[in-house]
């Protein structure tokens, strides 16, 4: 039972099994949840708790690959980090989504290096850093207006 609950959590309710870019689907799910639960999922303490739970669950699981595509809770954490302290309107969420996906895919320094951390640490840490970059970019874009 615990393994099944962990699998539901790390796959974001099995979103990780959707075809074609499951990480993008999980980021979209994150945006929807952020919109529906304003102030909860973009609160730093909530994001920290989700990240720690993700790392613990991933570290207890066994899987053949280093970072299986179906594990997408890291994208949920990343989009939540992106939106910490940001507005949660549709426009802000869309900008945050695009910026997060760009940083998550391009992986500028040190994001790619963070992937090398063991198990759940590496799976989650690179998305946290991509979220930090995206959050900073959102702040910069807001100041340039």
Protein backbone atom coordinates (compact mmCIF):
# COMPACT_ATOMS: atom_id res chain seq x y z
CA UNK A 1 0.00 0.00 0.00
CA UNK A 2 2.80 2.45 0.90
CA UNK A 3 4.53 1.73 -2.44
CA UNK A 4 1.30 2.43 -4.35
CA UNK A 5 0.77 5.74 -2.52
CA UNK A 6 4.38 6.73 -3.20
CA UNK A 7 3.90 5.88 -6.88
CA UNK A 8 0.71 7.98 -7.06
CA UNK A 9 2.60 10.87 -5.44
CA UNK A 10 5.78 10.76 -7.57
CA UNK A 11 3.74 10.36 -10.78
CA UNK A 12 1.36 13.18 -9.75
CA UNK A 13 -1.68 10.94 -9.85
CA UNK A 14 -0.29 8.93 -12.80
CA UNK A 15 0.18 12.06 -14.95
CA UNK A 16 3.73 10.79 -15.41
CA UNK A 17 2.36 7.99 -17.58
CA UNK A 18 0.76 10.35 -20.11
CA UNK A 19 2.37 10.10 -23.54
CA UNK A 20 4.55 12.82 -25.02
CA UNK A 21 6.36 14.99 -22.50
CA UNK A 22 5.01 13.82 -19.13
CA UNK A 23 7.08 16.55 -17.40
CA UNK A 24 5.21 19.19 -19.38
CA UNK A 25 1.88 17.64 -18.36
CA UNK A 26 2.96 17.68 -14.70
CA UNK A 27 3.95 21.35 -15.03
CA UNK A 28 0.52 22.10 -16.51
CA UNK A 29 -1.09 20.22 -13.62
CA UNK A 30 1.01 22.33 -11.25
CA UNK A 31 -0.24 25.54 -12.89
CA UNK A 32 -3.84 24.37 -12.58
CA UNK A 33 -3.35 23.51 -8.90
CA UNK A 34 -1.63 26.83 -8.26
CA UNK A 35 -4.55 28.64 -9.87
CA UNK A 36 -7.15 26.65 -7.91
CA UNK A 37 -5.27 26.76 -4.58
CA UNK A 38 -3.77 30.27 -4.51
CA UNK A 39 -1.44 30.94 -1.62
CA UNK A 40 -0.96 27.27 -0.73
CA UNK A 41 1.28 25.68 -3.35
CA UNK A 42 3.41 28.76 -3.87
CA UNK A 43 4.14 29.20 -0.16
CA UNK A 44 7.82 28.45 0.55
CA UNK A 45 7.04 26.06 3.44
CA UNK A 46 4.57 24.04 1.35
CA UNK A 47 7.06 23.83 -1.52
CA UNK A 48 9.77 22.69 0.89
CA UNK A 49 7.50 19.99 2.34
CA UNK A 50 6.55 18.71 -1.12
CA UNK A 51 10.22 18.68 -2.20
CA UNK A 52 11.33 16.77 0.91
CA UNK A 53 8.45 14.28 0.53
CA UNK A 54 9.37 13.81 -3.13
CA UNK A 55 13.02 13.12 -2.33
CA UNK A 56 12.11 10.67 0.45
CA UNK A 57 9.62 8.78 -1.73
CA UNK A 58 11.96 8.61 -4.72
CA UNK A 59 14.86 7.45 -2.54
CA UNK A 60 12.78 4.57 -1.17
CA UNK A 61 11.68 3.38 -4.62
CA UNK A 62 13.50 1.03 -6.93
CA UNK A 63 13.58 1.73 -10.66
CA UNK A 64 15.92 0.70 -13.47
CA UNK A 65 16.77 4.16 -14.86
CA UNK A 66 18.51 7.04 -13.09
CA UNK A 67 15.60 9.48 -13.72
CA UNK A 68 12.54 7.64 -15.05
CA UNK A 69 10.27 9.80 -17.20
CA UNK A 70 7.19 8.79 -15.25
CA UNK A 71 8.51 10.44 -12.07
CA UNK A 72 7.17 13.97 -12.50
CA UNK A 73 6.69 15.28 -8.97
CA UNK A 74 9.96 17.14 -9.54
CA UNK A 75 8.25 19.22 -12.24
CA UNK A 76 5.42 19.98 -9.83
CA UNK A 77 8.00 21.16 -7.29
CA UNK A 78 9.79 23.20 -9.96
CA UNK A 79 6.70 25.06 -11.13
CA UNK A 80 5.76 25.76 -7.51
CA UNK A 81 9.26 27.19 -6.88
CA UNK A 82 8.83 29.28 -10.03
CA UNK A 83 5.66 30.83 -8.66
CA UNK A 84 6.75 31.51 -5.04
CA UNK A 85 6.05 35.18 -4.39
CA UNK A 86 4.53 35.67 -7.84
CA UNK A 87 1.00 36.51 -8.86
CA UNK A 88 -1.14 33.51 -9.72
CA UNK A 89 -3.19 34.98 -12.55
CA UNK A 90 -3.38 33.21 -15.89
CA UNK A 91 -0.81 35.55 -17.47
CA UNK A 92 1.74 35.06 -14.65
CA UNK A 93 1.22 31.31 -14.62
CA UNK A 94 1.69 31.12 -18.39
CA UNK A 95 4.91 33.15 -18.22
CA UNK A 96 6.14 31.06 -15.29
CA UNK A 97 5.28 27.82 -17.09
CA UNK A 98 7.16 28.86 -20.24
CA UNK A 99 10.21 30.10 -18.33
CA UNK A 100 10.33 27.01 -16.11
CA UNK A 101 10.10 24.63 -19.05
CA UNK A 102 12.86 26.54 -20.90
CA UNK A 103 15.24 26.38 -17.91
CA UNK A 104 14.30 22.75 -17.22
CA UNK A 105 15.00 21.73 -20.82
CA UNK A 106 18.08 23.90 -21.54
CA UNK A 107 19.62 23.26 -18.09
CA UNK A 108 22.09 26.16 -17.76
CA UNK A 109 24.84 25.89 -15.15
CA UNK A 110 24.59 24.44 -12.50
CA UNK A 111 21.29 22.69 -13.32
CA UNK A 112 22.85 19.87 -15.35
CA UNK A 113 25.44 19.29 -12.64
CA UNK A 114 22.69 18.93 -10.01
CA UNK A 115 21.24 16.00 -11.97
CA UNK A 116 24.36 14.07 -10.96
CA UNK A 117 23.34 14.00 -7.31
CA UNK A 118 22.18 10.55 -6.14
CA UNK A 119 18.60 9.33 -6.65
CA UNK A 120 15.86 11.69 -5.47
CA UNK A 121 18.28 14.50 -4.68
CA UNK A 122 19.36 14.81 -8.31
CA UNK A 123 15.88 14.23 -9.71
CA UNK A 124 14.39 17.04 -7.61
CA UNK A 125 17.35 19.44 -7.24
CA UNK A 126 17.68 20.27 -10.93
CA UNK A 127 14.00 21.24 -11.11
CA UNK A 128 14.29 23.35 -7.96
CA UNK A 129 17.18 25.24 -9.57
CA UNK A 130 15.26 25.63 -12.85
CA UNK A 131 12.37 27.01 -10.76
CA UNK A 132 14.71 29.46 -9.02
CA UNK A 133 16.00 30.69 -12.39
CA UNK A 134 12.45 31.00 -13.74
CA UNK A 135 11.33 32.84 -10.60
CA UNK A 136 14.24 35.30 -10.95
CA UNK A 137 13.41 35.80 -14.64
CA UNK A 138 9.77 36.54 -13.74
CA UNK A 139 10.93 39.10 -11.18
CA UNK A 140 13.24 40.69 -13.75
CA UNK A 141 10.49 40.79 -16.37
CA UNK A 142 8.17 42.45 -13.84
CA UNK A 143 10.75 45.16 -13.15
CA UNK A 144 11.32 45.84 -16.86
CA UNK A 145 7.70 46.86 -17.44
